[in-house]
Amino acid sequence: MIIFIIKMTSQIEMQLGKKGLTIEFINNIKKRFENNKINNIKISVLKSARQNGKNDVKEYAEKILEFLGKKFTYRVLGFSIFLKKWRKARS
């Protein structure tokens, strides 16, 4: 008998499009993190949202983090932003 255990990941994927970073988009991220099961969000920055390439992606990540607070960190890989929520504030 073979038993498969599938672990559900607590990651949501979102896309940042041609409107760029709006207050509605940031509020949507904040709402999703309020759900206790959500610890990670992957944001794919589409081509229409980045005129300066990877520099725009890093700027978006820093603006999002500034709004969310010290309990959050980010990592930029390519044109994706990975946000992580921690239990305690990070310095």
C-alpha atoms as a PDB file:
ATOM      1  CA  MET A   1       0.000   0.000   0.000  1.00  0.00           C
ATOM      2  CA  ILE A   2       1.400   3.405  -0.999  1.00  0.00           C
ATOM      3  CA  ILE A   3       0.291   6.569   0.754  1.00  0.00           C
ATOM      4  CA  PHE A   4       0.990   9.993  -0.736  1.00  0.00           C
ATOM      5  CA  ILE A   5       1.110  13.004   1.514  1.00  0.00           C
ATOM      6  CA  ILE A   6       0.604  16.293  -0.251  1.00  0.00           C
ATOM      7  CA  LYS A   7       1.574  19.404   1.657  1.00  0.00           C
ATOM      8  CA  MET A   8      -0.494  22.437   0.801  1.00  0.00           C
ATOM      9  CA  THR A   9       1.673  25.465   0.238  1.00  0.00           C
ATOM     10  CA  SER A  10       0.564  28.722   1.714  1.00  0.00           C
ATOM     11  CA  GLN A  11       1.637  30.804  -1.263  1.00  0.00           C
ATOM     12  CA  ILE A  12      -0.565  32.978  -3.432  1.00  0.00           C
ATOM     13  CA  GLU A  13       0.425  34.203  -6.874  1.00  0.00           C
ATOM     14  CA  MET A  14      -0.479  37.683  -8.104  1.00  0.00           C
ATOM     15  CA  GLN A  15       0.375  39.750 -11.181  1.00  0.00           C
ATOM     16  CA  LEU A  16       1.374  43.401 -11.324  1.00  0.00           C
ATOM     17  CA  GLY A  17       0.245  44.814 -14.668  1.00  0.00           C
ATOM     18  CA  LYS A  18       0.182  47.993 -16.693  1.00  0.00           C
ATOM     19  CA  LYS A  19      -1.509  50.102 -14.006  1.00  0.00           C
ATOM     20  CA  GLY A  20       1.601  49.611 -11.905  1.00  0.00           C
ATOM     21  CA  LEU A  21       1.602  49.768  -8.142  1.00  0.00           C
ATOM     22  CA  THR A  22      -1.714  51.210  -6.950  1.00  0.00           C
ATOM     23  CA  ILE A  23      -3.111  51.622  -3.445  1.00  0.00           C
ATOM     24  CA  GLU A  24      -5.783  49.028  -4.311  1.00  0.00           C
ATOM     25  CA  PHE A  25      -3.102  46.488  -5.225  1.00  0.00           C
ATOM     26  CA  ILE A  26      -1.220  47.080  -1.966  1.00  0.00           C
ATOM     27  CA  ASN A  27      -4.435  46.850   0.076  1.00  0.00           C
ATOM     28  CA  ASN A  28      -5.219  43.557  -1.669  1.00  0.00           C
ATOM     29  CA  ILE A  29      -1.807  42.199  -0.605  1.00  0.00           C
ATOM     30  CA  LYS A  30      -2.389  43.349   2.965  1.00  0.00           C
ATOM     31  CA  LYS A  31      -5.828  41.674   3.081  1.00  0.00           C
ATOM     32  CA  ARG A  32      -4.407  38.386   1.852  1.00  0.00           C
ATOM     33  CA  PHE A  33      -1.689  38.418   4.523  1.00  0.00           C
ATOM     34  CA  GLU A  34      -4.327  38.977   7.236  1.00  0.00           C
ATOM     35  CA  ASN A  35      -5.433  35.391   6.595  1.00  0.00           C
ATOM     36  CA  ASN A  36      -3.288  33.423   9.076  1.00  0.00           C
ATOM     37  CA  LYS A  37      -2.646  30.580   6.636  1.00  0.00           C
ATOM     38  CA  ILE A  38      -0.976  32.850   4.078  1.00  0.00           C
ATOM     39  CA  ASN A  39       2.747  33.394   4.684  1.00  0.00           C
ATOM     40  CA  ASN A  40       4.082  33.887   1.155  1.00  0.00           C
ATOM     41  CA  ILE A  41       2.961  35.812  -1.893  1.00  0.00           C
ATOM     42  CA  LYS A  42       4.594  35.664  -5.305  1.00  0.00           C
ATOM     43  CA  ILE A  43       4.081  38.771  -7.429  1.00  0.00           C
ATOM     44  CA  SER A  44       4.939  38.468 -11.114  1.00  0.00           C
ATOM     45  CA  VAL A  45       5.740  41.865 -12.602  1.00  0.00           C
ATOM     46  CA  LEU A  46       4.488  41.844 -16.165  1.00  0.00           C
ATOM     47  CA  LYS A  47       6.395  43.459 -19.029  1.00  0.00           C
ATOM     48  CA  SER A  48       3.886  46.316 -19.293  1.00  0.00           C
ATOM     49  CA  ALA A  49       4.640  47.365 -15.679  1.00  0.00           C
ATOM     50  CA  ARG A  50       8.402  47.708 -16.056  1.00  0.00           C
ATOM     51  CA  GLN A  51       9.965  50.299 -18.326  1.00  0.00           C
ATOM     52  CA  ASN A  52      13.429  50.156 -16.678  1.00  0.00           C
ATOM     53  CA  GLY A  53      13.663  46.371 -16.380  1.00  0.00           C
ATOM     54  CA  LYS A  54      14.782  44.878 -13.069  1.00  0.00           C
ATOM     55  CA  ASN A  55      15.234  48.280 -11.419  1.00  0.00           C
ATOM     56  CA  ASP A  56      11.462  48.779 -11.468  1.00  0.00           C
ATOM     57  CA  VAL A  57      10.896  45.380  -9.870  1.00  0.00           C
ATOM     58  CA  LYS A  58      13.152  46.228  -6.919  1.00  0.00           C
ATOM     59  CA  GLU A  59      11.510  49.648  -6.503  1.00  0.00           C
ATOM     60  CA  TYR A  60       8.067  48.021  -6.442  1.00  0.00           C
ATOM     61  CA  ALA A  61       9.256  45.535  -3.802  1.00  0.00           C
ATOM     62  CA  GLU A  62      10.647  48.292  -1.572  1.00  0.00           C
ATOM     63  CA  LYS A  63       7.448  50.368  -1.851  1.00  0.00           C
ATOM     64  CA  ILE A  64       5.298  47.359  -0.959  1.00  0.00           C
ATOM     65  CA  LEU A  65       7.514  46.529   2.015  1.00  0.00           C
ATOM     66  CA  GLU A  66       7.409  50.142   3.218  1.00  0.00           C
ATOM     67  CA  PHE A  67       3.614  49.956   3.282  1.00  0.00           C
ATOM     68  CA  LEU A  68       3.367  46.506   4.925  1.00  0.00           C
ATOM     69  CA  GLY A  69       5.793  47.048   7.813  1.00  0.00           C
ATOM     70  CA  LYS A  70       8.682  45.326   9.580  1.00  0.00           C
ATOM     71  CA  LYS A  71       7.139  41.845   9.810  1.00  0.00           C
ATOM     72  CA  PHE A  72       7.723  41.353   6.093  1.00  0.00           C
ATOM     73  CA  THR A  73      10.722  40.664   3.875  1.00  0.00           C
ATOM     74  CA  TYR A  74      11.119  40.283   0.145  1.00  0.00           C
ATOM     75  CA  ARG A  75      13.331  38.567  -2.409  1.00  0.00           C
ATOM     76  CA  VAL A  76      13.527  39.473  -6.081  1.00  0.00           C
ATOM     77  CA  LEU A  77      14.215  36.660  -8.536  1.00  0.00           C
ATOM     78  CA  GLY A  78      14.101  37.718 -12.161  1.00  0.00           C
ATOM     79  CA  PHE A  79      10.885  39.639 -12.639  1.00  0.00           C
ATOM     80  CA  SER A  80       9.142  38.138  -9.598  1.00  0.00           C
ATOM     81  CA  ILE A  81       8.841  39.464  -6.057  1.00  0.00           C
ATOM     82  CA  PHE A  82       8.497  36.947  -3.236  1.00  0.00           C
ATOM     83  CA  LEU A  83       7.004  38.456  -0.054  1.00  0.00           C
ATOM     84  CA  LYS A  84       7.267  36.608   3.260  1.00  0.00           C
ATOM     85  CA  LYS A  85       5.443  37.307   6.497  1.00  0.00           C
ATOM     86  CA  TRP A  86       7.266  36.602   9.770  1.00  0.00           C
ATOM     87  CA  ARG A  87       5.845  36.225  13.264  1.00  0.00           C
ATOM     88  CA  LYS A  88       8.049  38.946  14.741  1.00  0.00           C
ATOM     89  CA  ALA A  89       9.330  42.197  13.314  1.00  0.00           C
ATOM     90  CA  ARG A  90      12.636  42.017  11.415  1.00  0.00           C
ATOM     91  CA  SER A  91      15.315  44.652  11.753  1.00  0.00           C
END
